[in-house]
């Protein structure tokens, strides 16, 4: 939901669309969303199967989803940090 709302804001705000840090925050949110989806699909499949080979594969999917979420978190945090740094720089220049 967060990724969708952030994308909608970007679609109507030229300021958000033109700022690479804002775009990075949106990309991070989408990474997290994709990772959450993969994690939940893997976890659901793990619970629903009795086949050990399938269970191992779904554990890999779940873990990959965790990693993708982590990358998204880093992207989002870095974009937000860059925005803060730029705002502080502008304030000190005035």
PDB file of N, CA and C in Angstrom:
ATOM      1  N   UNK A   1       0.822  -1.188   0.000  1.00  0.00           N
ATOM      2  CA  UNK A   1       0.000   0.000   0.000  1.00  0.00           C
ATOM      3  C   UNK A   1       0.864   1.250   0.000  1.00  0.00           C
ATOM      4  N   UNK A   2       1.929   1.238   0.827  1.00  0.00           N
ATOM      5  CA  UNK A   2       2.813   2.399   0.900  1.00  0.00           C
ATOM      6  C   UNK A   2       3.421   2.704  -0.466  1.00  0.00           C
ATOM      7  N   UNK A   3       3.883   1.665  -1.161  1.00  0.00           N
ATOM      8  CA  UNK A   3       4.520   1.866  -2.464  1.00  0.00           C
ATOM      9  C   UNK A   3       3.533   2.463  -3.462  1.00  0.00           C
ATOM     10  N   UNK A   4       2.300   2.009  -3.429  1.00  0.00           N
ATOM     11  CA  UNK A   4       1.284   2.528  -4.345  1.00  0.00           C
ATOM     12  C   UNK A   4       1.007   4.001  -4.058  1.00  0.00           C
ATOM     13  N   UNK A   5       0.840   4.345  -2.781  1.00  0.00           N
ATOM     14  CA  UNK A   5       0.549   5.734  -2.426  1.00  0.00           C
ATOM     15  C   UNK A   5       1.728   6.649  -2.748  1.00  0.00           C
ATOM     16  N   UNK A   6       2.938   6.212  -2.472  1.00  0.00           N
ATOM     17  CA  UNK A   6       4.112   7.014  -2.815  1.00  0.00           C
ATOM     18  C   UNK A   6       4.214   7.218  -4.320  1.00  0.00           C
ATOM     19  N   UNK A   7       3.896   6.188  -5.085  1.00  0.00           N
ATOM     20  CA  UNK A   7       3.928   6.305  -6.543  1.00  0.00           C
ATOM     21  C   UNK A   7       2.874   7.280  -7.041  1.00  0.00           C
ATOM     22  N   UNK A   8       1.705   7.274  -6.419  1.00  0.00           N
ATOM     23  CA  UNK A   8       0.654   8.226  -6.798  1.00  0.00           C
ATOM     24  C   UNK A   8       1.076   9.656  -6.498  1.00  0.00           C
ATOM     25  N   UNK A   9       1.712   9.866  -5.353  1.00  0.00           N
ATOM     26  CA  UNK A   9       2.206  11.206  -5.013  1.00  0.00           C
ATOM     27  C   UNK A   9       3.215  11.656  -6.059  1.00  0.00           C
ATOM     28  N   UNK A  10       4.110  10.757  -6.438  1.00  0.00           N
ATOM     29  CA  UNK A  10       5.132  11.097  -7.436  1.00  0.00           C
ATOM     30  C   UNK A  10       4.499  11.425  -8.779  1.00  0.00           C
ATOM     31  N   UNK A  11       3.405  10.770  -9.099  1.00  0.00           N
ATOM     32  CA  UNK A  11       2.772  11.014 -10.397  1.00  0.00           C
ATOM     33  C   UNK A  11       2.120  12.392 -10.481  1.00  0.00           C
ATOM     34  N   UNK A  12       1.791  12.987  -9.334  1.00  0.00           N
ATOM     35  CA  UNK A  12       1.147  14.299  -9.365  1.00  0.00           C
ATOM     36  C   UNK A  12       2.066  15.429  -8.895  1.00  0.00           C
ATOM     37  N   UNK A  13       3.240  15.085  -8.387  1.00  0.00           N
ATOM     38  CA  UNK A  13       4.146  16.105  -7.851  1.00  0.00           C
ATOM     39  C   UNK A  13       5.427  16.160  -8.678  1.00  0.00           C
ATOM     40  N   UNK A  14       5.614  17.260  -9.392  1.00  0.00           N
ATOM     41  CA  UNK A  14       6.837  17.440 -10.181  1.00  0.00           C
ATOM     42  C   UNK A  14       8.066  17.462  -9.275  1.00  0.00           C
ATOM     43  N   UNK A  15       7.927  18.046  -8.087  1.00  0.00           N
ATOM     44  CA  UNK A  15       9.042  18.127  -7.142  1.00  0.00           C
ATOM     45  C   UNK A  15       9.525  16.728  -6.749  1.00  0.00           C
ATOM     46  N   UNK A  16       8.590  15.846  -6.467  1.00  0.00           N
ATOM     47  CA  UNK A  16       8.949  14.480  -6.079  1.00  0.00           C
ATOM     48  C   UNK A  16       9.538  13.737  -7.276  1.00  0.00           C
ATOM     49  N   UNK A  17       8.918  13.888  -8.447  1.00  0.00           N
ATOM     50  CA  UNK A  17       9.413  13.197  -9.648  1.00  0.00           C
ATOM     51  C   UNK A  17      10.820  13.620 -10.024  1.00  0.00           C
ATOM     52  N   UNK A  18      11.155  14.889  -9.803  1.00  0.00           N
ATOM     53  CA  UNK A  18      12.450  15.394 -10.242  1.00  0.00           C
ATOM     54  C   UNK A  18      13.570  15.164  -9.224  1.00  0.00           C
ATOM     55  N   UNK A  19      13.241  14.757  -8.029  1.00  0.00           N
ATOM     56  CA  UNK A  19      14.251  14.557  -6.983  1.00  0.00           C
ATOM     57  C   UNK A  19      14.704  13.087  -6.977  1.00  0.00           C
ATOM     58  N   UNK A  20      15.977  12.830  -7.284  1.00  0.00           N
ATOM     59  CA  UNK A  20      16.445  11.437  -7.313  1.00  0.00           C
ATOM     60  C   UNK A  20      16.338  10.744  -5.953  1.00  0.00           C
ATOM     61  N   UNK A  21      16.443  11.507  -4.867  1.00  0.00           N
ATOM     62  CA  UNK A  21      16.319  10.890  -3.539  1.00  0.00           C
ATOM     63  C   UNK A  21      14.886  10.469  -3.255  1.00  0.00           C
ATOM     64  N   UNK A  22      13.933  11.285  -3.681  1.00  0.00           N
ATOM     65  CA  UNK A  22      12.520  10.900  -3.530  1.00  0.00           C
ATOM     66  C   UNK A  22      12.224   9.654  -4.356  1.00  0.00           C
ATOM     67  N   UNK A  23      12.770   9.599  -5.563  1.00  0.00           N
ATOM     68  CA  UNK A  23      12.561   8.417  -6.409  1.00  0.00           C
ATOM     69  C   UNK A  23      13.195   7.182  -5.769  1.00  0.00           C
ATOM     70  N   UNK A  24      14.346   7.370  -5.125  1.00  0.00           N
ATOM     71  CA  UNK A  24      15.001   6.245  -4.456  1.00  0.00           C
ATOM     72  C   UNK A  24      14.141   5.727  -3.302  1.00  0.00           C
ATOM     73  N   UNK A  25      13.490   6.619  -2.591  1.00  0.00           N
ATOM     74  CA  UNK A  25      12.590   6.201  -1.506  1.00  0.00           C
ATOM     75  C   UNK A  25      11.451   5.358  -2.074  1.00  0.00           C
ATOM     76  N   UNK A  26      10.896   5.800  -3.193  1.00  0.00           N
ATOM     77  CA  UNK A  26       9.805   5.043  -3.826  1.00  0.00           C
ATOM     78  C   UNK A  26      10.305   3.681  -4.296  1.00  0.00           C
ATOM     79  N   UNK A  27      11.485   3.649  -4.899  1.00  0.00           N
ATOM     80  CA  UNK A  27      12.056   2.370  -5.338  1.00  0.00           C
ATOM     81  C   UNK A  27      12.261   1.437  -4.147  1.00  0.00           C
ATOM     82  N   UNK A  28      12.752   1.985  -3.045  1.00  0.00           N
ATOM     83  CA  UNK A  28      12.942   1.180  -1.842  1.00  0.00           C
ATOM     84  C   UNK A  28      11.642   0.595  -1.332  1.00  0.00           C
ATOM     85  N   UNK A  29      10.590   1.410  -1.375  1.00  0.00           N
ATOM     86  CA  UNK A  29       9.280   0.922  -0.930  1.00  0.00           C
ATOM     87  C   UNK A  29       8.794  -0.219  -1.823  1.00  0.00           C
ATOM     88  N   UNK A  30       9.031  -0.088  -3.141  1.00  0.00           N
ATOM     89  CA  UNK A  30       8.626  -1.164  -4.058  1.00  0.00           C
ATOM     90  C   UNK A  30       9.453  -2.438  -3.823  1.00  0.00           C
ATOM     91  N   UNK A  31      10.751  -2.287  -3.588  1.00  0.00           N
ATOM     92  CA  UNK A  31      11.579  -3.449  -3.259  1.00  0.00           C
ATOM     93  C   UNK A  31      11.020  -4.153  -2.029  1.00  0.00           C
ATOM     94  N   UNK A  32      10.688  -3.386  -1.012  1.00  0.00           N
ATOM     95  CA  UNK A  32      10.152  -3.987   0.214  1.00  0.00           C
ATOM     96  C   UNK A  32       8.840  -4.714  -0.057  1.00  0.00           C
ATOM     97  N   UNK A  33       7.993  -4.115  -0.877  1.00  0.00           N
ATOM     98  CA  UNK A  33       6.714  -4.731  -1.205  1.00  0.00           C
ATOM     99  C   UNK A  33       6.916  -6.057  -1.935  1.00  0.00           C
ATOM    100  N   UNK A  34       7.811  -6.058  -2.909  1.00  0.00           N
ATOM    101  CA  UNK A  34       8.101  -7.288  -3.659  1.00  0.00           C
ATOM    102  C   UNK A  34       8.688  -8.347  -2.728  1.00  0.00           C
ATOM    103  N   UNK A  35       9.605  -7.933  -1.850  1.00  0.00           N
ATOM    104  CA  UNK A  35      10.196  -8.870  -0.895  1.00  0.00           C
ATOM    105  C   UNK A  35       9.169  -9.458   0.051  1.00  0.00           C
ATOM    106  N   UNK A  36       8.257  -8.624   0.526  1.00  0.00           N
ATOM    107  CA  UNK A  36       7.195  -9.111   1.425  1.00  0.00           C
ATOM    108  C   UNK A  36       6.311 -10.123   0.712  1.00  0.00           C
ATOM    109  N   UNK A  37       6.006  -9.849  -0.554  1.00  0.00           N
ATOM    110  CA  UNK A  37       5.180 -10.770  -1.330  1.00  0.00           C
ATOM    111  C   UNK A  37       5.888 -12.117  -1.480  1.00  0.00           C
ATOM    112  N   UNK A  38       7.178 -12.068  -1.847  1.00  0.00           N
ATOM    113  CA  UNK A  38       7.923 -13.322  -2.010  1.00  0.00           C
ATOM    114  C   UNK A  38       8.024 -14.094  -0.700  1.00  0.00           C
ATOM    115  N   UNK A  39       8.285 -13.370   0.376  1.00  0.00           N
ATOM    116  CA  UNK A  39       8.390 -14.018   1.685  1.00  0.00           C
ATOM    117  C   UNK A  39       7.071 -14.688   2.071  1.00  0.00           C
ATOM    118  N   UNK A  40       5.977 -13.992   1.873  1.00  0.00           N
ATOM    119  CA  UNK A  40       4.686 -14.566   2.257  1.00  0.00           C
ATOM    120  C   UNK A  40       4.311 -15.752   1.367  1.00  0.00           C
ATOM    121  N   UNK A  41       4.645 -15.676   0.077  1.00  0.00           N
ATOM    122  CA  UNK A  41       4.365 -16.809  -0.804  1.00  0.00           C
ATOM    123  C   UNK A  41       5.195 -18.030  -0.390  1.00  0.00           C
ATOM    124  N   UNK A  42       6.471 -17.801  -0.104  1.00  0.00           N
ATOM    125  CA  UNK A  42       7.329 -18.910   0.320  1.00  0.00           C
ATOM    126  C   UNK A  42       6.862 -19.517   1.631  1.00  0.00           C
ATOM    127  N   UNK A  43       6.518 -18.670   2.592  1.00  0.00           N
ATOM    128  CA  UNK A  43       6.071 -19.169   3.896  1.00  0.00           C
ATOM    129  C   UNK A  43       4.762 -19.946   3.760  1.00  0.00           C
ATOM    130  N   UNK A  44       3.856 -19.453   2.938  1.00  0.00           N
ATOM    131  CA  UNK A  44       2.581 -20.143   2.730  1.00  0.00           C
ATOM    132  C   UNK A  44       2.810 -21.512   2.102  1.00  0.00           C
ATOM    133  N   UNK A  45       3.673 -21.566   1.105  1.00  0.00           N
ATOM    134  CA  UNK A  45       3.953 -22.844   0.449  1.00  0.00           C
ATOM    135  C   UNK A  45       4.634 -23.819   1.400  1.00  0.00           C
ATOM    136  N   UNK A  46       5.502 -23.305   2.283  1.00  0.00           N
ATOM    137  CA  UNK A  46       6.155 -24.181   3.264  1.00  0.00           C
ATOM    138  C   UNK A  46       5.131 -24.867   4.156  1.00  0.00           C
ATOM    139  N   UNK A  47       4.147 -24.110   4.582  1.00  0.00           N
ATOM    140  CA  UNK A  47       3.132 -24.639   5.484  1.00  0.00           C
ATOM    141  C   UNK A  47       2.240 -25.654   4.768  1.00  0.00           C
ATOM    142  N   UNK A  48       2.040 -25.442   3.478  1.00  0.00           N
ATOM    143  CA  UNK A  48       1.070 -26.260   2.747  1.00  0.00           C
ATOM    144  C   UNK A  48       1.658 -27.541   2.149  1.00  0.00           C
ATOM    145  N   UNK A  49       2.972 -27.732   2.226  1.00  0.00           N
ATOM    146  CA  UNK A  49       3.545 -28.911   1.590  1.00  0.00           C
ATOM    147  C   UNK A  49       4.106 -29.891   2.619  1.00  0.00           C
ATOM    148  N   UNK A  50       4.132 -31.138   2.212  1.00  0.00           N
ATOM    149  CA  UNK A  50       4.771 -32.172   3.030  1.00  0.00           C
ATOM    150  C   UNK A  50       6.035 -32.685   2.335  1.00  0.00           C
ATOM    151  N   UNK A  51       6.239 -32.265   1.090  1.00  0.00           N
ATOM    152  CA  UNK A  51       7.411 -32.680   0.310  1.00  0.00           C
ATOM    153  C   UNK A  51       8.640 -31.901   0.779  1.00  0.00           C
ATOM    154  N   UNK A  52       9.667 -32.618   1.221  1.00  0.00           N
ATOM    155  CA  UNK A  52      10.865 -31.969   1.774  1.00  0.00           C
ATOM    156  C   UNK A  52      11.626 -31.163   0.723  1.00  0.00           C
ATOM    157  N   UNK A  53      11.648 -31.635  -0.522  1.00  0.00           N
ATOM    158  CA  UNK A  53      12.337 -30.892  -1.588  1.00  0.00           C
ATOM    159  C   UNK A  53      11.635 -29.555  -1.869  1.00  0.00           C
ATOM    160  N   UNK A  54      10.335 -29.581  -1.909  1.00  0.00           N
ATOM    161  CA  UNK A  54       9.575 -28.346  -2.126  1.00  0.00           C
ATOM    162  C   UNK A  54       9.771 -27.413  -0.934  1.00  0.00           C
ATOM    163  N   UNK A  55       9.782 -27.981   0.250  1.00  0.00           N
ATOM    164  CA  UNK A  55       9.983 -27.164   1.461  1.00  0.00           C
ATOM    165  C   UNK A  55      11.321 -26.426   1.413  1.00  0.00           C
ATOM    166  N   UNK A  56      12.382 -27.110   0.975  1.00  0.00           N
ATOM    167  CA  UNK A  56      13.694 -26.468   0.875  1.00  0.00           C
ATOM    168  C   UNK A  56      13.671 -25.330  -0.145  1.00  0.00           C
ATOM    169  N   UNK A  57      13.012 -25.548  -1.274  1.00  0.00           N
ATOM    170  CA  UNK A  57      12.923 -24.506  -2.295  1.00  0.00           C
ATOM    171  C   UNK A  57      12.113 -23.302  -1.795  1.00  0.00           C
ATOM    172  N   UNK A  58      11.066 -23.575  -1.080  1.00  0.00           N
ATOM    173  CA  UNK A  58      10.256 -22.459  -0.569  1.00  0.00           C
ATOM    174  C   UNK A  58      10.994 -21.698   0.530  1.00  0.00           C
ATOM    175  N   UNK A  59      11.863 -22.366   1.270  1.00  0.00           N
ATOM    176  CA  UNK A  59      12.696 -21.668   2.248  1.00  0.00           C
ATOM    177  C   UNK A  59      13.643 -20.696   1.544  1.00  0.00           C
ATOM    178  N   UNK A  60      14.148 -21.111   0.385  1.00  0.00           N
ATOM    179  CA  UNK A  60      15.009 -20.227  -0.410  1.00  0.00           C
ATOM    180  C   UNK A  60      14.231 -18.999  -0.884  1.00  0.00           C
ATOM    181  N   UNK A  61      13.008 -19.220  -1.318  1.00  0.00           N
ATOM    182  CA  UNK A  61      12.163 -18.105  -1.767  1.00  0.00           C
ATOM    183  C   UNK A  61      11.892 -17.145  -0.610  1.00  0.00           C
ATOM    184  N   UNK A  62      11.584 -17.706   0.537  1.00  0.00           N
ATOM    185  CA  UNK A  62      11.318 -16.889   1.726  1.00  0.00           C
ATOM    186  C   UNK A  62      12.545 -16.059   2.094  1.00  0.00           C
ATOM    187  N   UNK A  63      13.699 -16.687   2.083  1.00  0.00           N
ATOM    188  CA  UNK A  63      14.930 -15.980   2.439  1.00  0.00           C
ATOM    189  C   UNK A  63      15.273 -14.916   1.404  1.00  0.00           C
ATOM    190  N   UNK A  64      15.088 -15.225   0.137  1.00  0.00           N
ATOM    191  CA  UNK A  64      15.320 -14.228  -0.909  1.00  0.00           C
ATOM    192  C   UNK A  64      14.401 -13.022  -0.704  1.00  0.00           C
ATOM    193  N   UNK A  65      13.161 -13.284  -0.350  1.00  0.00           N
ATOM    194  CA  UNK A  65      12.228 -12.192  -0.046  1.00  0.00           C
ATOM    195  C   UNK A  65      12.720 -11.325   1.098  1.00  0.00           C
ATOM    196  N   UNK A  66      13.292 -11.958   2.123  1.00  0.00           N
ATOM    197  CA  UNK A  66      13.874 -11.201   3.243  1.00  0.00           C
ATOM    198  C   UNK A  66      14.998 -10.295   2.754  1.00  0.00           C
ATOM    199  N   UNK A  67      15.873 -10.829   1.904  1.00  0.00           N
ATOM    200  CA  UNK A  67      16.989 -10.039   1.387  1.00  0.00           C
ATOM    201  C   UNK A  67      16.502  -8.867   0.536  1.00  0.00           C
ATOM    202  N   UNK A  68      15.517  -9.112  -0.288  1.00  0.00           N
ATOM    203  CA  UNK A  68      14.985  -8.037  -1.132  1.00  0.00           C
ATOM    204  C   UNK A  68      14.375  -6.942  -0.264  1.00  0.00           C
ATOM    205  N   UNK A  69      13.674  -7.335   0.789  1.00  0.00           N
ATOM    206  CA  UNK A  69      13.132  -6.345   1.730  1.00  0.00           C
ATOM    207  C   UNK A  69      14.257  -5.528   2.355  1.00  0.00           C
ATOM    208  N   UNK A  70      15.338  -6.188   2.718  1.00  0.00           N
ATOM    209  CA  UNK A  70      16.460  -5.500   3.350  1.00  0.00           C
ATOM    210  C   UNK A  70      17.080  -4.480   2.398  1.00  0.00           C
ATOM    211  N   UNK A  71      17.238  -4.858   1.136  1.00  0.00           N
ATOM    212  CA  UNK A  71      17.768  -3.921   0.142  1.00  0.00           C
ATOM    213  C   UNK A  71      16.825  -2.721   0.007  1.00  0.00           C
ATOM    214  N   UNK A  72      15.538  -2.983  -0.012  1.00  0.00           N
ATOM    215  CA  UNK A  72      14.560  -1.895  -0.089  1.00  0.00           C
ATOM    216  C   UNK A  72      14.645  -0.961   1.096  1.00  0.00           C
ATOM    217  N   UNK A  73      14.843  -1.520   2.269  1.00  0.00           N
ATOM    218  CA  UNK A  73      14.979  -0.704   3.479  1.00  0.00           C
ATOM    219  C   UNK A  73      16.199   0.205   3.383  1.00  0.00           C
ATOM    220  N   UNK A  74      17.310  -0.350   2.907  1.00  0.00           N
ATOM    221  CA  UNK A  74      18.535   0.440   2.763  1.00  0.00           C
ATOM    222  C   UNK A  74      18.325   1.559   1.739  1.00  0.00           C
ATOM    223  N   UNK A  75      17.709   1.238   0.605  1.00  0.00           N
ATOM    224  CA  UNK A  75      17.448   2.264  -0.412  1.00  0.00           C
ATOM    225  C   UNK A  75      16.592   3.395   0.147  1.00  0.00           C
ATOM    226  N   UNK A  76      15.534   3.016   0.833  1.00  0.00           N
ATOM    227  CA  UNK A  76      14.611   4.011   1.383  1.00  0.00           C
ATOM    228  C   UNK A  76      15.304   4.868   2.449  1.00  0.00           C
ATOM    229  N   UNK A  77      16.055   4.237   3.325  1.00  0.00           N
ATOM    230  CA  UNK A  77      16.749   4.980   4.383  1.00  0.00           C
ATOM    231  C   UNK A  77      17.822   5.898   3.804  1.00  0.00           C
ATOM    232  N   UNK A  78      18.540   5.429   2.809  1.00  0.00           N
ATOM    233  CA  UNK A  78      19.581   6.250   2.198  1.00  0.00           C
ATOM    234  C   UNK A  78      18.965   7.467   1.496  1.00  0.00           C
ATOM    235  N   UNK A  79      17.887   7.250   0.760  1.00  0.00           N
ATOM    236  CA  UNK A  79      17.212   8.379   0.110  1.00  0.00           C
ATOM    237  C   UNK A  79      16.735   9.404   1.122  1.00  0.00           C
ATOM    238  N   UNK A  80      16.144   8.939   2.197  1.00  0.00           N
ATOM    239  CA  UNK A  80      15.676   9.845   3.249  1.00  0.00           C
ATOM    240  C   UNK A  80      16.819  10.595   3.907  1.00  0.00           C
ATOM    241  N   UNK A  81      17.925   9.911   4.139  1.00  0.00           N
ATOM    242  CA  UNK A  81      19.094  10.559   4.740  1.00  0.00           C
ATOM    243  C   UNK A  81      19.656  11.634   3.819  1.00  0.00           C
ATOM    244  N   UNK A  82      19.681  11.347   2.524  1.00  0.00           N
ATOM    245  CA  UNK A  82      20.191  12.328   1.567  1.00  0.00           C
ATOM    246  C   UNK A  82      19.307  13.578   1.536  1.00  0.00           C
ATOM    247  N   UNK A  83      18.009  13.390   1.658  1.00  0.00           N
ATOM    248  CA  UNK A  83      17.093  14.534   1.697  1.00  0.00           C
ATOM    249  C   UNK A  83      17.389  15.399   2.917  1.00  0.00           C
ATOM    250  N   UNK A  84      17.612  14.769   4.054  1.00  0.00           N
ATOM    251  CA  UNK A  84      17.927  15.511   5.283  1.00  0.00           C
ATOM    252  C   UNK A  84      19.227  16.292   5.110  1.00  0.00           C
ATOM    253  N   UNK A  85      20.248  15.641   4.555  1.00  0.00           N
ATOM    254  CA  UNK A  85      21.540  16.304   4.347  1.00  0.00           C
ATOM    255  C   UNK A  85      21.380  17.515   3.438  1.00  0.00           C
ATOM    256  N   UNK A  86      20.622  17.353   2.349  1.00  0.00           N
ATOM    257  CA  UNK A  86      20.407  18.470   1.423  1.00  0.00           C
ATOM    258  C   UNK A  86      19.642  19.617   2.076  1.00  0.00           C
ATOM    259  N   UNK A  87      18.639  19.290   2.888  1.00  0.00           N
ATOM    260  CA  UNK A  87      17.879  20.337   3.581  1.00  0.00           C
ATOM    261  C   UNK A  87      18.762  21.083   4.574  1.00  0.00           C
ATOM    262  N   UNK A  88      19.574  20.345   5.312  1.00  0.00           N
ATOM    263  CA  UNK A  88      20.492  20.988   6.262  1.00  0.00           C
ATOM    264  C   UNK A  88      21.504  21.880   5.537  1.00  0.00           C
ATOM    265  N   UNK A  89      21.961  21.430   4.390  1.00  0.00           N
ATOM    266  CA  UNK A  89      22.909  22.237   3.619  1.00  0.00           C
ATOM    267  C   UNK A  89      22.250  23.526   3.139  1.00  0.00           C
ATOM    268  N   UNK A  90      21.016  23.418   2.652  1.00  0.00           N
ATOM    269  CA  UNK A  90      20.293  24.621   2.203  1.00  0.00           C
ATOM    270  C   UNK A  90      20.082  25.595   3.351  1.00  0.00           C
ATOM    271  N   UNK A  91      19.737  25.062   4.525  1.00  0.00           N
ATOM    272  CA  UNK A  91      19.513  25.924   5.697  1.00  0.00           C
ATOM    273  C   UNK A  91      20.800  26.625   6.117  1.00  0.00           C
ATOM    274  N   UNK A  92      21.918  25.926   6.033  1.00  0.00           N
ATOM    275  CA  UNK A  92      23.177  26.550   6.454  1.00  0.00           C
ATOM    276  C   UNK A  92      23.674  27.559   5.418  1.00  0.00           C
ATOM    277  N   UNK A  93      23.263  27.408   4.166  1.00  0.00           N
ATOM    278  CA  UNK A  93      23.645  28.364   3.126  1.00  0.00           C
ATOM    279  C   UNK A  93      22.896  29.674   3.230  1.00  0.00           C
ATOM    280  N   UNK A  94      21.749  29.673   3.914  1.00  0.00           N
ATOM    281  CA  UNK A  94      20.945  30.910   4.022  1.00  0.00           C
ATOM    282  C   UNK A  94      21.244  31.688   5.249  1.00  0.00           C
TER     283      UNK A  94
END
